[in-house]
Amino acid sequence: MEEKVKKTRCLNLDGMFTPVPMSEIEYEFLKFSGGELHIKLNNNIDYSNIGKVIITHRIKSMDDLMAIFIAKNALALKGVREFDLIMPYIPYTRQDRKCYDGESFTLKVFTQLLNSAKFDNVLCIDSHSDVAPALIDNCNPTT
């Protein structure tokens, strides 16, 4: 019996940043009055046919990071098992070390959160420094 080839699809979470020219997964985001985000994926797709999803987003706020997390979770609940992330810039890279007593190593906090999502591959277009890609699991910077 021949095994079916699974497709790669893209989930662009920012309409102004669409670096992957391939079939996109449609979705709707809602924001509740308390500020919580909610995603609803298009259910007219055969998710069993999808081998990998490439999620793209420009992270400008913690809401953007949460959007990535809940989108990945919704896709995983549909059976998708492989995920890549493409982001043009790594937030908090200007805080890539702790210089003074009482400061946070903010980049490390951000990368620990991002790493908890366990992406198979993370592509960042502008890493700002060598520290950021070193702290992100499976990171492949382009600059």
N, C-alpha and C. Protein backbone atom coordinates (compact mmCIF):
# COMPACT_ATOMS: atom_id res chain seq x y z
N MET A 1 0.84 -1.19 0.00
CA MET A 1 0.00 0.00 0.00
C MET A 1 0.88 1.25 0.00
N GLU A 2 0.59 2.16 -0.86
CA GLU A 2 1.37 3.37 -1.00
C GLU A 2 0.99 4.39 0.08
N GLU A 3 2.03 4.95 0.72
CA GLU A 3 1.78 5.96 1.75
C GLU A 3 1.52 7.32 1.10
N LYS A 4 0.52 8.00 1.60
CA LYS A 4 0.13 9.31 1.07
C LYS A 4 1.16 10.36 1.48
N VAL A 5 1.60 11.18 0.51
CA VAL A 5 2.54 12.27 0.78
C VAL A 5 1.78 13.40 1.46
N LYS A 6 2.29 13.79 2.61
CA LYS A 6 1.63 14.87 3.34
C LYS A 6 2.14 16.23 2.87
N LYS A 7 1.26 17.19 2.89
CA LYS A 7 1.55 18.53 2.39
C LYS A 7 2.08 19.44 3.48
N THR A 8 2.78 20.46 3.04
CA THR A 8 3.19 21.55 3.93
C THR A 8 2.26 22.71 3.64
N ARG A 9 1.73 23.29 4.70
CA ARG A 9 0.85 24.46 4.57
C ARG A 9 1.43 25.59 5.40
N CYS A 10 0.92 26.77 5.18
CA CYS A 10 1.39 27.95 5.89
C CYS A 10 0.25 28.59 6.66
N LEU A 11 0.58 29.11 7.83
CA LEU A 11 -0.37 29.89 8.63
C LEU A 11 0.28 31.24 8.88
N ASN A 12 -0.08 32.23 8.08
CA ASN A 12 0.44 33.59 8.23
C ASN A 12 -0.43 34.33 9.23
N LEU A 13 0.16 34.70 10.36
CA LEU A 13 -0.61 35.38 11.41
C LEU A 13 -0.52 36.90 11.32
N ASP A 14 0.22 37.40 10.33
CA ASP A 14 0.34 38.84 10.12
C ASP A 14 0.23 39.09 8.63
N GLY A 15 -0.84 39.72 8.21
CA GLY A 15 -1.08 39.96 6.80
C GLY A 15 -0.03 40.81 6.11
N MET A 16 0.77 41.54 6.89
CA MET A 16 1.82 42.38 6.32
C MET A 16 3.15 41.63 6.17
N PHE A 17 3.21 40.39 6.67
CA PHE A 17 4.43 39.59 6.60
C PHE A 17 4.05 38.20 6.11
N THR A 18 4.18 38.00 4.80
CA THR A 18 3.81 36.71 4.20
C THR A 18 4.96 36.20 3.35
N PRO A 19 6.01 35.68 3.98
CA PRO A 19 7.21 35.29 3.25
C PRO A 19 7.13 33.94 2.53
N VAL A 20 6.08 33.17 2.80
CA VAL A 20 6.00 31.83 2.24
C VAL A 20 4.86 31.76 1.21
N PRO A 21 5.21 31.64 -0.07
CA PRO A 21 4.17 31.59 -1.11
C PRO A 21 3.62 30.17 -1.29
N MET A 22 2.74 29.77 -0.39
CA MET A 22 2.12 28.45 -0.49
C MET A 22 0.72 28.50 0.08
N SER A 23 0.00 27.41 -0.02
CA SER A 23 -1.37 27.36 0.48
C SER A 23 -1.42 27.72 1.95
N GLU A 24 -2.33 28.63 2.23
CA GLU A 24 -2.48 29.09 3.61
C GLU A 24 -3.68 28.44 4.27
N ILE A 25 -3.56 28.29 5.57
CA ILE A 25 -4.68 27.82 6.38
C ILE A 25 -5.46 29.05 6.81
N GLU A 26 -6.75 29.04 6.57
CA GLU A 26 -7.59 30.17 6.97
C GLU A 26 -7.98 30.02 8.44
N TYR A 27 -8.17 31.16 9.08
CA TYR A 27 -8.50 31.18 10.50
C TYR A 27 -9.20 32.48 10.83
N GLU A 28 -9.78 32.51 12.03
CA GLU A 28 -10.33 33.74 12.59
C GLU A 28 -9.78 33.90 13.99
N PHE A 29 -9.41 35.13 14.33
CA PHE A 29 -9.02 35.45 15.70
C PHE A 29 -10.11 36.29 16.34
N LEU A 30 -10.37 36.03 17.58
CA LEU A 30 -11.26 36.85 18.40
C LEU A 30 -10.47 37.34 19.59
N LYS A 31 -10.86 38.48 20.09
CA LYS A 31 -10.27 38.98 21.33
C LYS A 31 -11.41 39.26 22.29
N PHE A 32 -11.40 38.55 23.40
CA PHE A 32 -12.45 38.72 24.40
C PHE A 32 -12.27 40.04 25.14
N SER A 33 -13.29 40.48 25.85
CA SER A 33 -13.26 41.78 26.52
C SER A 33 -12.15 41.87 27.56
N GLY A 34 -11.72 40.73 28.09
CA GLY A 34 -10.63 40.72 29.06
C GLY A 34 -9.26 40.73 28.39
N GLY A 35 -9.23 40.73 27.04
CA GLY A 35 -7.98 40.78 26.31
C GLY A 35 -7.47 39.43 25.84
N GLU A 36 -8.17 38.34 26.22
CA GLU A 36 -7.72 37.01 25.84
C GLU A 36 -7.97 36.76 24.36
N LEU A 37 -7.02 36.08 23.72
CA LEU A 37 -7.14 35.73 22.31
C LEU A 37 -7.78 34.36 22.14
N HIS A 38 -8.46 34.19 21.02
CA HIS A 38 -9.09 32.92 20.68
C HIS A 38 -8.94 32.72 19.18
N ILE A 39 -8.57 31.50 18.77
CA ILE A 39 -8.44 31.22 17.35
C ILE A 39 -9.44 30.15 16.95
N LYS A 40 -9.95 30.28 15.74
CA LYS A 40 -10.83 29.27 15.16
C LYS A 40 -10.28 28.95 13.77
N LEU A 41 -9.81 27.72 13.60
CA LEU A 41 -9.26 27.29 12.32
C LEU A 41 -10.37 26.92 11.36
N ASN A 42 -10.10 27.06 10.06
CA ASN A 42 -11.03 26.62 9.02
C ASN A 42 -11.18 25.10 9.12
N ASN A 43 -12.40 24.64 9.27
CA ASN A 43 -12.65 23.21 9.41
C ASN A 43 -12.93 22.53 8.08
N ASN A 44 -12.82 23.26 6.97
CA ASN A 44 -13.05 22.67 5.65
C ASN A 44 -11.76 22.13 5.03
N ILE A 45 -10.76 21.89 5.85
CA ILE A 45 -9.47 21.39 5.39
C ILE A 45 -9.28 19.98 5.94
N ASP A 46 -8.68 19.11 5.13
CA ASP A 46 -8.33 17.77 5.58
C ASP A 46 -6.97 17.86 6.30
N TYR A 47 -7.00 18.05 7.61
CA TYR A 47 -5.77 18.22 8.38
C TYR A 47 -4.94 16.94 8.42
N SER A 48 -5.54 15.79 8.16
CA SER A 48 -4.77 14.54 8.15
C SER A 48 -3.82 14.50 6.96
N ASN A 49 -4.02 15.37 5.99
CA ASN A 49 -3.19 15.49 4.80
C ASN A 49 -1.99 16.42 5.01
N ILE A 50 -1.93 17.08 6.16
CA ILE A 50 -0.89 18.08 6.41
C ILE A 50 0.22 17.47 7.25
N GLY A 51 1.44 17.52 6.71
CA GLY A 51 2.59 17.00 7.43
C GLY A 51 3.28 18.06 8.27
N LYS A 52 3.33 19.27 7.73
CA LYS A 52 4.02 20.35 8.43
C LYS A 52 3.29 21.66 8.18
N VAL A 53 3.29 22.52 9.20
CA VAL A 53 2.77 23.88 9.06
C VAL A 53 3.89 24.85 9.38
N ILE A 54 4.05 25.82 8.49
CA ILE A 54 4.99 26.91 8.72
C ILE A 54 4.17 28.09 9.23
N ILE A 55 4.43 28.49 10.45
CA ILE A 55 3.74 29.64 11.05
C ILE A 55 4.64 30.85 10.87
N THR A 56 4.06 31.95 10.38
CA THR A 56 4.83 33.18 10.21
C THR A 56 4.16 34.30 11.01
N HIS A 57 5.00 35.13 11.62
CA HIS A 57 4.45 36.26 12.37
C HIS A 57 5.56 37.25 12.70
N ARG A 58 5.20 38.53 12.73
CA ARG A 58 6.06 39.58 13.25
C ARG A 58 5.66 39.76 14.70
N ILE A 59 6.52 39.42 15.61
CA ILE A 59 6.20 39.51 17.04
C ILE A 59 6.50 40.93 17.51
N LYS A 60 5.43 41.67 17.79
CA LYS A 60 5.57 43.04 18.24
C LYS A 60 5.06 43.20 19.68
N SER A 61 4.39 42.18 20.19
CA SER A 61 3.84 42.24 21.54
C SER A 61 3.69 40.82 22.07
N MET A 62 3.41 40.72 23.33
CA MET A 62 3.21 39.39 23.91
C MET A 62 1.93 38.76 23.37
N ASP A 63 0.96 39.57 22.93
CA ASP A 63 -0.22 39.02 22.26
C ASP A 63 0.17 38.25 20.99
N ASP A 64 1.17 38.77 20.27
CA ASP A 64 1.63 38.10 19.06
C ASP A 64 2.25 36.74 19.39
N LEU A 65 3.02 36.69 20.47
CA LEU A 65 3.60 35.42 20.90
C LEU A 65 2.50 34.44 21.31
N MET A 66 1.52 34.94 22.03
CA MET A 66 0.39 34.09 22.43
C MET A 66 -0.38 33.60 21.22
N ALA A 67 -0.53 34.44 20.20
CA ALA A 67 -1.21 34.03 18.97
C ALA A 67 -0.49 32.85 18.33
N ILE A 68 0.83 32.89 18.32
CA ILE A 68 1.61 31.77 17.78
C ILE A 68 1.35 30.51 18.60
N PHE A 69 1.39 30.64 19.92
CA PHE A 69 1.19 29.48 20.80
C PHE A 69 -0.19 28.86 20.62
N ILE A 70 -1.23 29.68 20.58
CA ILE A 70 -2.57 29.08 20.48
C ILE A 70 -2.84 28.54 19.08
N ALA A 71 -2.25 29.17 18.07
CA ALA A 71 -2.39 28.63 16.71
C ALA A 71 -1.71 27.27 16.61
N LYS A 72 -0.52 27.15 17.16
CA LYS A 72 0.21 25.87 17.14
C LYS A 72 -0.58 24.81 17.91
N ASN A 73 -1.14 25.18 19.03
CA ASN A 73 -1.94 24.25 19.82
C ASN A 73 -3.17 23.78 19.06
N ALA A 74 -3.88 24.70 18.43
CA ALA A 74 -5.08 24.33 17.67
C ALA A 74 -4.73 23.39 16.53
N LEU A 75 -3.61 23.64 15.85
CA LEU A 75 -3.18 22.77 14.77
C LEU A 75 -2.75 21.40 15.28
N ALA A 76 -2.07 21.38 16.42
CA ALA A 76 -1.67 20.09 17.02
C ALA A 76 -2.90 19.28 17.40
N LEU A 77 -3.93 19.94 17.89
CA LEU A 77 -5.17 19.24 18.24
C LEU A 77 -5.87 18.69 16.99
N LYS A 78 -5.56 19.25 15.82
CA LYS A 78 -6.08 18.74 14.53
C LYS A 78 -5.20 17.62 13.98
N GLY A 79 -4.07 17.33 14.64
CA GLY A 79 -3.23 16.22 14.23
C GLY A 79 -1.93 16.60 13.56
N VAL A 80 -1.66 17.90 13.37
CA VAL A 80 -0.40 18.33 12.77
C VAL A 80 0.71 18.09 13.79
N ARG A 81 1.83 17.53 13.32
CA ARG A 81 2.91 17.17 14.24
C ARG A 81 4.23 17.89 14.03
N GLU A 82 4.38 18.57 12.89
CA GLU A 82 5.64 19.24 12.61
C GLU A 82 5.38 20.72 12.35
N PHE A 83 6.19 21.58 13.00
CA PHE A 83 5.97 23.02 12.93
C PHE A 83 7.27 23.77 12.76
N ASP A 84 7.27 24.71 11.83
CA ASP A 84 8.36 25.67 11.68
C ASP A 84 7.79 27.04 12.01
N LEU A 85 8.67 27.94 12.44
CA LEU A 85 8.29 29.32 12.71
C LEU A 85 9.22 30.23 11.93
N ILE A 86 8.64 31.20 11.24
CA ILE A 86 9.43 32.24 10.58
C ILE A 86 9.04 33.58 11.19
N MET A 87 10.04 34.29 11.68
CA MET A 87 9.81 35.62 12.22
C MET A 87 10.90 36.54 11.71
N PRO A 88 10.53 37.75 11.29
CA PRO A 88 11.54 38.64 10.71
C PRO A 88 12.51 39.22 11.73
N TYR A 89 12.10 39.31 12.98
CA TYR A 89 12.92 39.95 13.99
C TYR A 89 12.68 39.25 15.32
N ILE A 90 13.73 39.09 16.09
CA ILE A 90 13.61 38.48 17.41
C ILE A 90 13.43 39.60 18.44
N PRO A 91 12.29 39.63 19.11
CA PRO A 91 12.08 40.66 20.13
C PRO A 91 13.08 40.53 21.29
N TYR A 92 13.31 41.60 21.96
CA TYR A 92 14.13 41.69 23.16
C TYR A 92 15.62 41.49 22.92
N THR A 93 16.07 41.54 21.67
CA THR A 93 17.49 41.35 21.40
C THR A 93 18.34 42.52 21.88
N ARG A 94 17.72 43.65 22.10
CA ARG A 94 18.48 44.79 22.64
C ARG A 94 18.79 44.58 24.13
N GLN A 95 18.18 43.56 24.70
CA GLN A 95 18.44 43.22 26.10
C GLN A 95 19.06 41.82 26.13
N ASP A 96 20.16 41.66 25.38
CA ASP A 96 20.75 40.33 25.21
C ASP A 96 21.80 39.97 26.25
N ARG A 97 21.83 40.71 27.32
CA ARG A 97 22.71 40.39 28.44
C ARG A 97 22.26 41.18 29.66
N LYS A 98 22.68 40.74 30.80
CA LYS A 98 22.40 41.45 32.05
C LYS A 98 23.63 42.27 32.37
N CYS A 99 23.47 43.59 32.38
CA CYS A 99 24.62 44.48 32.60
C CYS A 99 24.76 44.95 34.04
N TYR A 100 23.63 45.13 34.71
CA TYR A 100 23.65 45.69 36.06
C TYR A 100 22.85 44.83 37.02
N ASP A 101 23.24 44.85 38.25
CA ASP A 101 22.50 44.15 39.30
C ASP A 101 21.07 44.69 39.36
N GLY A 102 20.11 43.82 39.38
CA GLY A 102 18.71 44.23 39.44
C GLY A 102 18.02 44.25 38.09
N GLU A 103 18.77 44.00 37.01
CA GLU A 103 18.18 43.93 35.68
C GLU A 103 17.74 42.50 35.36
N SER A 104 16.84 42.41 34.43
CA SER A 104 16.43 41.11 33.90
C SER A 104 17.25 40.79 32.65
N PHE A 105 17.54 39.53 32.44
CA PHE A 105 18.12 39.07 31.17
C PHE A 105 16.90 38.76 30.30
N THR A 106 16.28 39.82 29.80
CA THR A 106 14.96 39.75 29.17
C THR A 106 14.95 38.87 27.93
N LEU A 107 16.00 38.91 27.13
CA LEU A 107 16.05 38.05 25.94
C LEU A 107 15.96 36.58 26.35
N LYS A 108 16.64 36.21 27.41
CA LYS A 108 16.60 34.81 27.86
C LYS A 108 15.19 34.43 28.31
N VAL A 109 14.50 35.32 28.96
CA VAL A 109 13.11 35.05 29.37
C VAL A 109 12.25 34.82 28.13
N PHE A 110 12.40 35.70 27.13
CA PHE A 110 11.63 35.55 25.90
C PHE A 110 11.95 34.23 25.20
N THR A 111 13.23 33.90 25.07
CA THR A 111 13.61 32.68 24.35
C THR A 111 13.17 31.43 25.11
N GLN A 112 13.15 31.48 26.42
CA GLN A 112 12.65 30.33 27.18
C GLN A 112 11.16 30.10 26.88
N LEU A 113 10.40 31.19 26.80
CA LEU A 113 8.99 31.06 26.44
C LEU A 113 8.84 30.49 25.02
N LEU A 114 9.59 31.04 24.08
CA LEU A 114 9.52 30.56 22.70
C LEU A 114 9.94 29.09 22.60
N ASN A 115 11.00 28.72 23.29
CA ASN A 115 11.49 27.34 23.26
C ASN A 115 10.48 26.36 23.84
N SER A 116 9.63 26.83 24.74
CA SER A 116 8.63 25.93 25.34
C SER A 116 7.64 25.42 24.29
N ALA A 117 7.53 26.11 23.16
CA ALA A 117 6.63 25.68 22.09
C ALA A 117 7.22 24.55 21.25
N LYS A 118 8.52 24.32 21.38
CA LYS A 118 9.20 23.20 20.72
C LYS A 118 9.01 23.17 19.20
N PHE A 119 9.38 24.26 18.54
CA PHE A 119 9.34 24.29 17.08
C PHE A 119 10.44 23.41 16.51
N ASP A 120 10.16 22.78 15.38
CA ASP A 120 11.15 21.94 14.72
C ASP A 120 12.24 22.78 14.06
N ASN A 121 11.88 23.97 13.62
CA ASN A 121 12.82 24.87 12.97
C ASN A 121 12.32 26.30 13.17
N VAL A 122 13.23 27.20 13.54
CA VAL A 122 12.89 28.61 13.69
C VAL A 122 13.81 29.40 12.77
N LEU A 123 13.21 30.14 11.85
CA LEU A 123 13.98 30.98 10.94
C LEU A 123 13.75 32.43 11.33
N CYS A 124 14.83 33.12 11.66
CA CYS A 124 14.72 34.54 11.97
C CYS A 124 15.53 35.30 10.93
N ILE A 125 14.93 36.34 10.42
CA ILE A 125 15.54 37.08 9.32
C ILE A 125 16.54 38.12 9.82
N ASP A 126 16.27 38.75 10.95
CA ASP A 126 17.19 39.73 11.53
C ASP A 126 17.33 39.40 13.01
N SER A 127 18.46 38.83 13.36
CA SER A 127 18.64 38.40 14.75
C SER A 127 19.26 39.47 15.64
N HIS A 128 19.72 40.57 15.09
CA HIS A 128 20.28 41.72 15.80
C HIS A 128 21.63 41.40 16.46
N SER A 129 21.75 40.22 17.07
CA SER A 129 23.02 39.84 17.69
C SER A 129 23.16 38.32 17.59
N ASP A 130 24.35 37.82 17.89
CA ASP A 130 24.58 36.38 17.87
C ASP A 130 24.01 35.68 19.10
N VAL A 131 23.70 36.45 20.12
CA VAL A 131 23.20 35.87 21.36
C VAL A 131 21.82 35.26 21.17
N ALA A 132 20.94 35.98 20.49
CA ALA A 132 19.55 35.52 20.33
C ALA A 132 19.44 34.16 19.64
N PRO A 133 20.03 33.95 18.47
CA PRO A 133 19.91 32.64 17.83
C PRO A 133 20.52 31.52 18.67
N ALA A 134 21.55 31.84 19.45
CA ALA A 134 22.17 30.83 20.30
C ALA A 134 21.22 30.37 21.42
N LEU A 135 20.30 31.25 21.81
CA LEU A 135 19.37 30.91 22.89
C LEU A 135 18.08 30.24 22.40
N ILE A 136 17.84 30.27 21.07
CA ILE A 136 16.60 29.71 20.52
C ILE A 136 16.89 28.32 19.97
N ASP A 137 16.15 27.34 20.46
CA ASP A 137 16.30 25.97 19.99
C ASP A 137 15.98 25.88 18.50
N ASN A 138 16.79 25.16 17.74
CA ASN A 138 16.57 24.89 16.32
C ASN A 138 16.51 26.17 15.48
N CYS A 139 17.25 27.18 15.87
CA CYS A 139 17.21 28.47 15.17
C CYS A 139 18.19 28.49 14.01
N ASN A 140 17.70 29.04 12.89
CA ASN A 140 18.52 29.23 11.70
C ASN A 140 18.41 30.69 11.28
N PRO A 141 19.32 31.53 11.74
CA PRO A 141 19.25 32.95 11.35
C PRO A 141 19.73 33.13 9.92
N THR A 142 19.20 34.14 9.26
CA THR A 142 19.62 34.43 7.89
C THR A 142 20.59 35.59 7.81
N THR A 143 20.81 36.27 8.91
CA THR A 143 21.80 37.37 8.89
C THR A 143 22.88 37.11 9.91
